[in-house]
Amino acid sequence: MPEVVFPLDSSKKFTDQAIVGHNRWHPDIPAQVHVKPGDVFRVDCREWFDGAIHNDDSAEDILNAPLPGVHVLSGPIAVEGAEPGDLLIVDILDVGPIPQEDSGPLAGQGWGYTGVFATENGGGFLTEQFPDAYKVIWDFRGGVATSRHVPSVSFTGIVHPGLMGTAPSAELLARWNAREQALIDTDPQRVPPLALPPLPDSAILGSLSGADFDRAAREAARTAPPRENGGNQDIKNLTKGTRVFYPVFVPG
């Protein structure tokens, strides 16, 4: 079994872990994990809301989902020798739940969910047709998902990590923020919003603290959209056996 370079205790919140990750993109977030080119390793990950969504029959948790805190990301992970202008090649060797033998009562969690977000809390792609919050719990048996909320339906899913990327340079980050604010300004009242500007509320920036944290929290990009660094790639085929090429913008 490859070494777990970023371990998580599933019984603890993301900010209470031995190594605290991040939920924003910023070049100054320090890497607390270092690997070498060619290393094979494992990374434990939390659910994007850090466990705020529960395995029950109520959609209250979706209605009140803490959107400013997403996504909780395991990292940054520094790659020895990586320099701006390089291309980082990432091979996804496997994807799946944290093995049952690992620590914590949620290790090997065998369920997931589909959430439809209410207009008053972010909205969705069809928020005019579906303005309220809904939730469906899916139970996993191997690769097959079934749900007590959608009887007589099952499907075989393809597991993907959802979000991976490289850190932006300060120049690239500034370009993102200017570009996305200009987009927001075209329709500032839109639901869901056209983009999400930097938001210090609920920012998690690894081991940054004090004035450095405050400055970075005001500048850091939210993780919802995909960008030049990869980012939020909800592509089902981004799965076991995939090779991904990421540009490098900052040393490591």
C-alpha atoms as a PDB file:
ATOM      1  CA  MET A   1       0.000   0.000   0.000  1.00  0.00           C
ATOM      2  CA  PRO A   2       1.505   3.408  -0.950  1.00  0.00           C
ATOM      3  CA  GLU A   3       2.348   5.849   1.833  1.00  0.00           C
ATOM      4  CA  VAL A   4      -0.418   8.236   2.921  1.00  0.00           C
ATOM      5  CA  VAL A   5       1.292  11.620   2.648  1.00  0.00           C
ATOM      6  CA  PHE A   6      -1.816  13.616   3.583  1.00  0.00           C
ATOM      7  CA  PRO A   7      -3.718  11.650   6.256  1.00  0.00           C
ATOM      8  CA  LEU A   8      -7.111  12.644   7.645  1.00  0.00           C
ATOM      9  CA  ASP A   9      -8.975  11.507  10.746  1.00  0.00           C
ATOM     10  CA  SER A  10     -12.572  11.171   9.559  1.00  0.00           C
ATOM     11  CA  SER A  11     -13.882  11.806  13.090  1.00  0.00           C
ATOM     12  CA  LYS A  12     -12.438  15.365  13.095  1.00  0.00           C
ATOM     13  CA  LYS A  13     -13.275  18.548  11.253  1.00  0.00           C
ATOM     14  CA  PHE A  14     -11.006  19.684   8.431  1.00  0.00           C
ATOM     15  CA  THR A  15      -9.495  22.505  10.499  1.00  0.00           C
ATOM     16  CA  ASP A  16      -8.752  20.140  13.434  1.00  0.00           C
ATOM     17  CA  GLN A  17      -6.521  17.778  11.441  1.00  0.00           C
ATOM     18  CA  ALA A  18      -2.802  17.223  12.070  1.00  0.00           C
ATOM     19  CA  ILE A  19      -2.188  18.787   8.641  1.00  0.00           C
ATOM     20  CA  VAL A  20      -4.664  21.509   7.695  1.00  0.00           C
ATOM     21  CA  GLY A  21      -5.409  21.877   3.987  1.00  0.00           C
ATOM     22  CA  HIS A  22      -7.033  24.768   2.158  1.00  0.00           C
ATOM     23  CA  ASN A  23     -10.233  25.861   0.404  1.00  0.00           C
ATOM     24  CA  ARG A  24      -8.910  28.701  -1.741  1.00  0.00           C
ATOM     25  CA  TRP A  25      -6.297  29.139  -4.502  1.00  0.00           C
ATOM     26  CA  HIS A  26      -3.358  31.396  -3.573  1.00  0.00           C
ATOM     27  CA  PRO A  27       0.387  31.136  -4.282  1.00  0.00           C
ATOM     28  CA  ASP A  28       1.344  31.892  -0.667  1.00  0.00           C
ATOM     29  CA  ILE A  29      -0.402  28.915   0.960  1.00  0.00           C
ATOM     30  CA  PRO A  30       2.554  26.878   2.292  1.00  0.00           C
ATOM     31  CA  ALA A  31       2.984  23.249   1.254  1.00  0.00           C
ATOM     32  CA  GLN A  32       3.257  20.997   4.318  1.00  0.00           C
ATOM     33  CA  VAL A  33       3.743  17.827   2.234  1.00  0.00           C
ATOM     34  CA  HIS A  34       6.630  17.266  -0.187  1.00  0.00           C
ATOM     35  CA  VAL A  35       7.042  14.530  -2.805  1.00  0.00           C
ATOM     36  CA  LYS A  36       9.530  13.750  -5.564  1.00  0.00           C
ATOM     37  CA  PRO A  37       8.819  13.211  -9.266  1.00  0.00           C
ATOM     38  CA  GLY A  38       7.810   9.587  -9.782  1.00  0.00           C
ATOM     39  CA  ASP A  39       6.619   9.058  -6.208  1.00  0.00           C
ATOM     40  CA  VAL A  40       3.538   6.888  -5.709  1.00  0.00           C
ATOM     41  CA  PHE A  41       1.438   8.027  -2.733  1.00  0.00           C
ATOM     42  CA  ARG A  42      -2.057   8.260  -1.269  1.00  0.00           C
ATOM     43  CA  VAL A  43      -3.991  11.355  -0.224  1.00  0.00           C
ATOM     44  CA  ASP A  44      -7.001  11.217   2.102  1.00  0.00           C
ATOM     45  CA  CYS A  45      -9.780  13.678   1.266  1.00  0.00           C
ATOM     46  CA  ARG A  46     -12.851  15.086   2.987  1.00  0.00           C
ATOM     47  CA  GLU A  47     -16.284  15.508   1.449  1.00  0.00           C
ATOM     48  CA  TRP A  48     -16.459  19.009  -0.082  1.00  0.00           C
ATOM     49  CA  PHE A  49     -18.707  20.370   2.709  1.00  0.00           C
ATOM     50  CA  ASP A  50     -16.502  18.806   5.420  1.00  0.00           C
ATOM     51  CA  GLY A  51     -19.279  16.493   6.621  1.00  0.00           C
ATOM     52  CA  ALA A  52     -22.081  19.083   6.809  1.00  0.00           C
ATOM     53  CA  ILE A  53     -24.403  16.857   4.742  1.00  0.00           C
ATOM     54  CA  HIS A  54     -25.918  13.919   6.657  1.00  0.00           C
ATOM     55  CA  ASN A  55     -27.284  10.496   5.802  1.00  0.00           C
ATOM     56  CA  ASP A  56     -30.916  11.215   6.661  1.00  0.00           C
ATOM     57  CA  ASP A  57     -34.242  12.007   4.968  1.00  0.00           C
ATOM     58  CA  SER A  58     -34.207  15.782   5.468  1.00  0.00           C
ATOM     59  CA  ALA A  59     -32.936  18.415   3.022  1.00  0.00           C
ATOM     60  CA  GLU A  60     -32.396  20.994   5.771  1.00  0.00           C
ATOM     61  CA  ASP A  61     -28.630  20.442   5.555  1.00  0.00           C
ATOM     62  CA  ILE A  62     -28.689  21.181   1.814  1.00  0.00           C
ATOM     63  CA  LEU A  63     -30.875  24.243   2.438  1.00  0.00           C
ATOM     64  CA  ASN A  64     -28.343  25.527   4.978  1.00  0.00           C
ATOM     65  CA  ALA A  65     -25.187  24.156   3.337  1.00  0.00           C
ATOM     66  CA  PRO A  66     -22.125  26.311   4.210  1.00  0.00           C
ATOM     67  CA  LEU A  67     -21.241  27.360   0.654  1.00  0.00           C
ATOM     68  CA  PRO A  68     -18.465  29.868   1.605  1.00  0.00           C
ATOM     69  CA  GLY A  69     -16.391  26.972   2.984  1.00  0.00           C
ATOM     70  CA  VAL A  70     -16.148  24.816  -0.129  1.00  0.00           C
ATOM     71  CA  HIS A  71     -14.171  22.987  -1.356  1.00  0.00           C
ATOM     72  CA  VAL A  72     -11.981  21.565   1.434  1.00  0.00           C
ATOM     73  CA  LEU A  73      -8.823  20.415  -0.365  1.00  0.00           C
ATOM     74  CA  SER A  74      -5.995  18.155   0.803  1.00  0.00           C
ATOM     75  CA  GLY A  75      -2.789  20.037   0.039  1.00  0.00           C
ATOM     76  CA  PRO A  76      -0.849  21.885  -1.153  1.00  0.00           C
ATOM     77  CA  ILE A  77       1.620  19.155  -2.061  1.00  0.00           C
ATOM     78  CA  ALA A  78       5.007  20.420  -3.274  1.00  0.00           C
ATOM     79  CA  VAL A  79       6.749  18.483  -6.051  1.00  0.00           C
ATOM     80  CA  GLU A  80      10.523  18.665  -5.757  1.00  0.00           C
ATOM     81  CA  GLY A  81      12.078  20.461  -8.716  1.00  0.00           C
ATOM     82  CA  ALA A  82       8.854  21.732 -10.278  1.00  0.00           C
ATOM     83  CA  GLU A  83       9.344  25.225 -11.713  1.00  0.00           C
ATOM     84  CA  PRO A  84       7.101  27.736 -13.501  1.00  0.00           C
ATOM     85  CA  GLY A  85       6.746  26.770 -17.146  1.00  0.00           C
ATOM     86  CA  ASP A  86       7.016  23.037 -16.406  1.00  0.00           C
ATOM     87  CA  LEU A  87       4.242  20.568 -17.124  1.00  0.00           C
ATOM     88  CA  LEU A  88       3.245  18.393 -14.157  1.00  0.00           C
ATOM     89  CA  ILE A  89       2.067  14.907 -15.155  1.00  0.00           C
ATOM     90  CA  VAL A  90      -0.321  13.292 -12.661  1.00  0.00           C
ATOM     91  CA  ASP A  91      -1.362   9.657 -12.980  1.00  0.00           C
ATOM     92  CA  ILE A  92      -4.499   8.706 -11.035  1.00  0.00           C
ATOM     93  CA  LEU A  93      -3.698   5.139 -10.017  1.00  0.00           C
ATOM     94  CA  ASP A  94      -6.816   4.547  -7.918  1.00  0.00           C
ATOM     95  CA  VAL A  95      -9.797   6.392  -6.427  1.00  0.00           C
ATOM     96  CA  GLY A  96     -12.153   5.235  -3.685  1.00  0.00           C
ATOM     97  CA  PRO A  97     -13.350   5.543  -0.092  1.00  0.00           C
ATOM     98  CA  ILE A  98     -10.817   5.669   2.721  1.00  0.00           C
ATOM     99  CA  PRO A  99     -10.093   2.005   3.550  1.00  0.00           C
ATOM    100  CA  GLN A 100     -12.079   0.605   6.461  1.00  0.00           C
ATOM    101  CA  GLU A 101      -8.943  -0.259   8.415  1.00  0.00           C
ATOM    102  CA  ASP A 102      -7.977   3.422   8.587  1.00  0.00           C
ATOM    103  CA  SER A 103      -8.984   5.457  11.650  1.00  0.00           C
ATOM    104  CA  GLY A 104     -12.254   7.214  12.303  1.00  0.00           C
ATOM    105  CA  PRO A 105     -15.919   6.172  12.376  1.00  0.00           C
ATOM    106  CA  LEU A 106     -16.524   7.481   8.836  1.00  0.00           C
ATOM    107  CA  ALA A 107     -13.631   5.560   7.260  1.00  0.00           C
ATOM    108  CA  GLY A 108     -14.831   3.648   4.246  1.00  0.00           C
ATOM    109  CA  GLN A 109     -18.050   5.699   4.132  1.00  0.00           C
ATOM    110  CA  GLY A 110     -20.398   3.747   1.895  1.00  0.00           C
ATOM    111  CA  TRP A 111     -22.799   6.506   0.883  1.00  0.00           C
ATOM    112  CA  GLY A 112     -23.014   9.759  -0.993  1.00  0.00           C
ATOM    113  CA  TYR A 113     -25.689  12.219  -2.037  1.00  0.00           C
ATOM    114  CA  THR A 114     -27.192  14.338  -4.769  1.00  0.00           C
ATOM    115  CA  GLY A 115     -28.081  17.867  -3.643  1.00  0.00           C
ATOM    116  CA  VAL A 116     -30.317  20.402  -5.373  1.00  0.00           C
ATOM    117  CA  PHE A 117     -29.566  23.816  -3.900  1.00  0.00           C
ATOM    118  CA  ALA A 118     -32.325  26.279  -3.089  1.00  0.00           C
ATOM    119  CA  THR A 119     -32.482  29.625  -4.872  1.00  0.00           C
ATOM    120  CA  GLU A 120     -31.917  31.330  -1.506  1.00  0.00           C
ATOM    121  CA  ASN A 121     -28.654  29.380  -0.998  1.00  0.00           C
ATOM    122  CA  GLY A 122     -26.720  29.406  -4.234  1.00  0.00           C
ATOM    123  CA  GLY A 123     -29.276  27.994  -6.624  1.00  0.00           C
ATOM    124  CA  GLY A 124     -28.588  25.480  -9.371  1.00  0.00           C
ATOM    125  CA  PHE A 125     -28.587  25.109 -13.129  1.00  0.00           C
ATOM    126  CA  LEU A 126     -32.428  24.926 -13.237  1.00  0.00           C
ATOM    127  CA  THR A 127     -33.202  27.070 -10.208  1.00  0.00           C
ATOM    128  CA  GLU A 128     -36.316  28.596 -11.871  1.00  0.00           C
ATOM    129  CA  GLN A 129     -37.836  25.110 -12.220  1.00  0.00           C
ATOM    130  CA  PHE A 130     -36.469  23.738  -8.919  1.00  0.00           C
ATOM    131  CA  PRO A 131     -36.257  26.631  -6.422  1.00  0.00           C
ATOM    132  CA  ASP A 132     -36.298  24.464  -3.277  1.00  0.00           C
ATOM    133  CA  ALA A 133     -33.689  22.276  -1.617  1.00  0.00           C
ATOM    134  CA  TYR A 134     -33.743  18.523  -2.281  1.00  0.00           C
ATOM    135  CA  LYS A 135     -31.470  15.658  -1.269  1.00  0.00           C
ATOM    136  CA  VAL A 136     -31.078  12.059  -2.397  1.00  0.00           C
ATOM    137  CA  ILE A 137     -28.868   9.634  -0.456  1.00  0.00           C
ATOM    138  CA  TRP A 138     -27.071   6.955  -2.482  1.00  0.00           C
ATOM    139  CA  ASP A 139     -25.735   3.743  -0.940  1.00  0.00           C
ATOM    140  CA  PHE A 140     -22.675   2.182  -2.574  1.00  0.00           C
ATOM    141  CA  ARG A 141     -22.209  -1.557  -3.061  1.00  0.00           C
ATOM    142  CA  GLY A 142     -19.051  -1.941  -5.036  1.00  0.00           C
ATOM    143  CA  GLY A 143     -19.544   0.240  -8.088  1.00  0.00           C
ATOM    144  CA  VAL A 144     -23.358   0.210  -7.910  1.00  0.00           C
ATOM    145  CA  ALA A 145     -25.404   3.011  -6.328  1.00  0.00           C
ATOM    146  CA  THR A 146     -28.976   2.651  -5.079  1.00  0.00           C
ATOM    147  CA  SER A 147     -31.210   4.996  -3.097  1.00  0.00           C
ATOM    148  CA  ARG A 148     -34.130   4.691  -0.708  1.00  0.00           C
ATOM    149  CA  HIS A 149     -35.237   8.065  -2.080  1.00  0.00           C
ATOM    150  CA  VAL A 150     -35.394   6.862  -5.710  1.00  0.00           C
ATOM    151  CA  PRO A 151     -36.815   3.324  -5.438  1.00  0.00           C
ATOM    152  CA  SER A 152     -36.155   0.715  -8.135  1.00  0.00           C
ATOM    153  CA  VAL A 153     -33.273   2.739  -9.621  1.00  0.00           C
ATOM    154  CA  SER A 154     -29.636   1.686  -9.634  1.00  0.00           C
ATOM    155  CA  PHE A 155     -26.630   2.739 -11.659  1.00  0.00           C
ATOM    156  CA  THR A 156     -22.981   1.878 -11.975  1.00  0.00           C
ATOM    157  CA  GLY A 157     -20.939   4.986 -11.270  1.00  0.00           C
ATOM    158  CA  ILE A 158     -17.472   6.096 -12.307  1.00  0.00           C
ATOM    159  CA  VAL A 159     -15.555   7.508  -9.315  1.00  0.00           C
ATOM    160  CA  HIS A 160     -13.609  10.730  -9.872  1.00  0.00           C
ATOM    161  CA  PRO A 161     -11.760  13.031  -7.444  1.00  0.00           C
ATOM    162  CA  GLY A 162     -13.617  16.130  -8.650  1.00  0.00           C
ATOM    163  CA  LEU A 163     -11.025  18.783  -7.999  1.00  0.00           C
ATOM    164  CA  MET A 164      -7.256  18.887  -8.484  1.00  0.00           C
ATOM    165  CA  GLY A 165      -4.983  21.662  -9.669  1.00  0.00           C
ATOM    166  CA  THR A 166      -1.775  23.633  -9.356  1.00  0.00           C
ATOM    167  CA  ALA A 167      -1.257  26.873  -7.445  1.00  0.00           C
ATOM    168  CA  PRO A 168      -1.644  30.096  -9.444  1.00  0.00           C
ATOM    169  CA  SER A 169       1.078  32.717  -9.598  1.00  0.00           C
ATOM    170  CA  ALA A 170       0.282  36.122  -8.116  1.00  0.00           C
ATOM    171  CA  GLU A 171      -0.082  37.495 -11.648  1.00  0.00           C
ATOM    172  CA  LEU A 172      -2.468  34.732 -12.725  1.00  0.00           C
ATOM    173  CA  LEU A 173      -4.525  35.122  -9.544  1.00  0.00           C
ATOM    174  CA  ALA A 174      -4.895  38.859 -10.165  1.00  0.00           C
ATOM    175  CA  ARG A 175      -6.007  38.129 -13.743  1.00  0.00           C
ATOM    176  CA  TRP A 176      -8.635  35.654 -12.484  1.00  0.00           C
ATOM    177  CA  ASN A 177     -10.044  38.124  -9.978  1.00  0.00           C
ATOM    178  CA  ALA A 178     -10.256  40.984 -12.486  1.00  0.00           C
ATOM    179  CA  ARG A 179     -11.798  38.774 -15.174  1.00  0.00           C
ATOM    180  CA  GLU A 180     -14.393  37.244 -12.841  1.00  0.00           C
ATOM    181  CA  GLN A 181     -15.373  40.541 -11.225  1.00  0.00           C
ATOM    182  CA  ALA A 182     -15.971  41.977 -14.700  1.00  0.00           C
ATOM    183  CA  LEU A 183     -18.251  39.010 -15.403  1.00  0.00           C
ATOM    184  CA  ILE A 184     -20.144  39.482 -12.130  1.00  0.00           C
ATOM    185  CA  ASP A 185     -20.643  43.161 -12.945  1.00  0.00           C
ATOM    186  CA  THR A 186     -22.604  42.265 -16.094  1.00  0.00           C
ATOM    187  CA  ASP A 187     -25.411  40.762 -13.956  1.00  0.00           C
ATOM    188  CA  PRO A 188     -24.698  41.225 -10.238  1.00  0.00           C
ATOM    189  CA  GLN A 189     -28.128  39.957  -9.114  1.00  0.00           C
ATOM    190  CA  ARG A 190     -28.039  36.678 -11.027  1.00  0.00           C
ATOM    191  CA  VAL A 191     -28.818  33.408  -9.178  1.00  0.00           C
ATOM    192  CA  PRO A 192     -26.680  31.403  -9.285  1.00  0.00           C
ATOM    193  CA  PRO A 193     -24.013  34.099  -9.584  1.00  0.00           C
ATOM    194  CA  LEU A 194     -21.884  34.246 -12.724  1.00  0.00           C
ATOM    195  CA  ALA A 195     -18.736  33.963 -10.582  1.00  0.00           C
ATOM    196  CA  LEU A 196     -17.644  33.972  -6.947  1.00  0.00           C
ATOM    197  CA  PRO A 197     -15.286  36.790  -5.877  1.00  0.00           C
ATOM    198  CA  PRO A 198     -12.689  36.399  -3.081  1.00  0.00           C
ATOM    199  CA  LEU A 199     -14.367  35.956   0.293  1.00  0.00           C
ATOM    200  CA  PRO A 200     -12.438  36.008   3.594  1.00  0.00           C
ATOM    201  CA  ASP A 201     -15.414  34.381   5.385  1.00  0.00           C
ATOM    202  CA  SER A 202     -14.654  30.674   6.013  1.00  0.00           C
ATOM    203  CA  ALA A 203     -11.295  30.838   4.184  1.00  0.00           C
ATOM    204  CA  ILE A 204      -8.891  28.009   5.122  1.00  0.00           C
ATOM    205  CA  LEU A 205      -5.293  28.665   4.088  1.00  0.00           C
ATOM    206  CA  GLY A 206      -3.218  25.860   5.566  1.00  0.00           C
ATOM    207  CA  SER A 207      -0.643  27.113   8.057  1.00  0.00           C
ATOM    208  CA  LEU A 208      -0.891  30.803   7.104  1.00  0.00           C
ATOM    209  CA  SER A 209      -1.661  33.063  10.046  1.00  0.00           C
ATOM    210  CA  GLY A 210      -1.773  36.685  11.158  1.00  0.00           C
ATOM    211  CA  ALA A 211      -1.366  39.466   8.617  1.00  0.00           C
ATOM    212  CA  ASP A 212      -0.308  36.992   5.906  1.00  0.00           C
ATOM    213  CA  PHE A 213      -3.569  35.099   6.356  1.00  0.00           C
ATOM    214  CA  ASP A 214      -5.674  38.272   6.282  1.00  0.00           C
ATOM    215  CA  ARG A 215      -4.050  39.517   3.081  1.00  0.00           C
ATOM    216  CA  ALA A 216      -4.274  36.162   1.304  1.00  0.00           C
ATOM    217  CA  ALA A 217      -7.900  35.643   2.378  1.00  0.00           C
ATOM    218  CA  ARG A 218      -8.825  38.932   0.706  1.00  0.00           C
ATOM    219  CA  GLU A 219      -7.062  37.902  -2.529  1.00  0.00           C
ATOM    220  CA  ALA A 220      -7.509  34.134  -2.773  1.00  0.00           C
ATOM    221  CA  ALA A 221      -9.712  32.687  -5.512  1.00  0.00           C
ATOM    222  CA  ARG A 222     -12.696  30.488  -4.724  1.00  0.00           C
ATOM    223  CA  THR A 223     -12.467  26.903  -5.973  1.00  0.00           C
ATOM    224  CA  ALA A 224     -15.831  26.473  -7.701  1.00  0.00           C
ATOM    225  CA  PRO A 225     -14.927  27.073 -11.391  1.00  0.00           C
ATOM    226  CA  PRO A 226     -12.241  25.282 -13.383  1.00  0.00           C
ATOM    227  CA  ARG A 227      -9.476  27.569 -14.588  1.00  0.00           C
ATOM    228  CA  GLU A 228      -6.063  27.484 -16.267  1.00  0.00           C
ATOM    229  CA  ASN A 229      -4.678  25.530 -13.286  1.00  0.00           C
ATOM    230  CA  GLY A 230      -7.199  22.677 -13.546  1.00  0.00           C
ATOM    231  CA  GLY A 231      -9.390  23.090 -10.507  1.00  0.00           C
ATOM    232  CA  ASN A 232     -12.986  21.908 -10.300  1.00  0.00           C
ATOM    233  CA  GLN A 233     -13.055  19.224 -12.980  1.00  0.00           C
ATOM    234  CA  ASP A 234     -16.257  17.283 -12.381  1.00  0.00           C
ATOM    235  CA  ILE A 235     -15.542  14.920 -15.252  1.00  0.00           C
ATOM    236  CA  LYS A 236     -16.573  11.316 -14.695  1.00  0.00           C
ATOM    237  CA  ASN A 237     -13.701  10.054 -16.871  1.00  0.00           C
ATOM    238  CA  LEU A 238     -11.158  11.790 -14.607  1.00  0.00           C
ATOM    239  CA  THR A 239     -10.810   8.469 -12.826  1.00  0.00           C
ATOM    240  CA  LYS A 240      -8.572   5.470 -12.188  1.00  0.00           C
ATOM    241  CA  GLY A 241      -6.138   5.099 -15.079  1.00  0.00           C
ATOM    242  CA  THR A 242      -6.305   8.765 -16.137  1.00  0.00           C
ATOM    243  CA  ARG A 243      -3.190  10.822 -16.911  1.00  0.00           C
ATOM    244  CA  VAL A 244      -3.594  14.582 -16.404  1.00  0.00           C
ATOM    245  CA  PHE A 245      -1.242  17.372 -17.506  1.00  0.00           C
ATOM    246  CA  TYR A 246      -1.145  20.495 -15.325  1.00  0.00           C
ATOM    247  CA  PRO A 247       0.854  23.693 -15.964  1.00  0.00           C
ATOM    248  CA  VAL A 248       3.166  24.834 -13.148  1.00  0.00           C
ATOM    249  CA  PHE A 249       2.954  28.517 -12.170  1.00  0.00           C
ATOM    250  CA  VAL A 250       4.948  28.672  -8.895  1.00  0.00           C
ATOM    251  CA  PRO A 251       8.054  26.806  -7.678  1.00  0.00           C
ATOM    252  CA  GLY A 252       7.016  23.397  -6.275  1.00  0.00           C
END
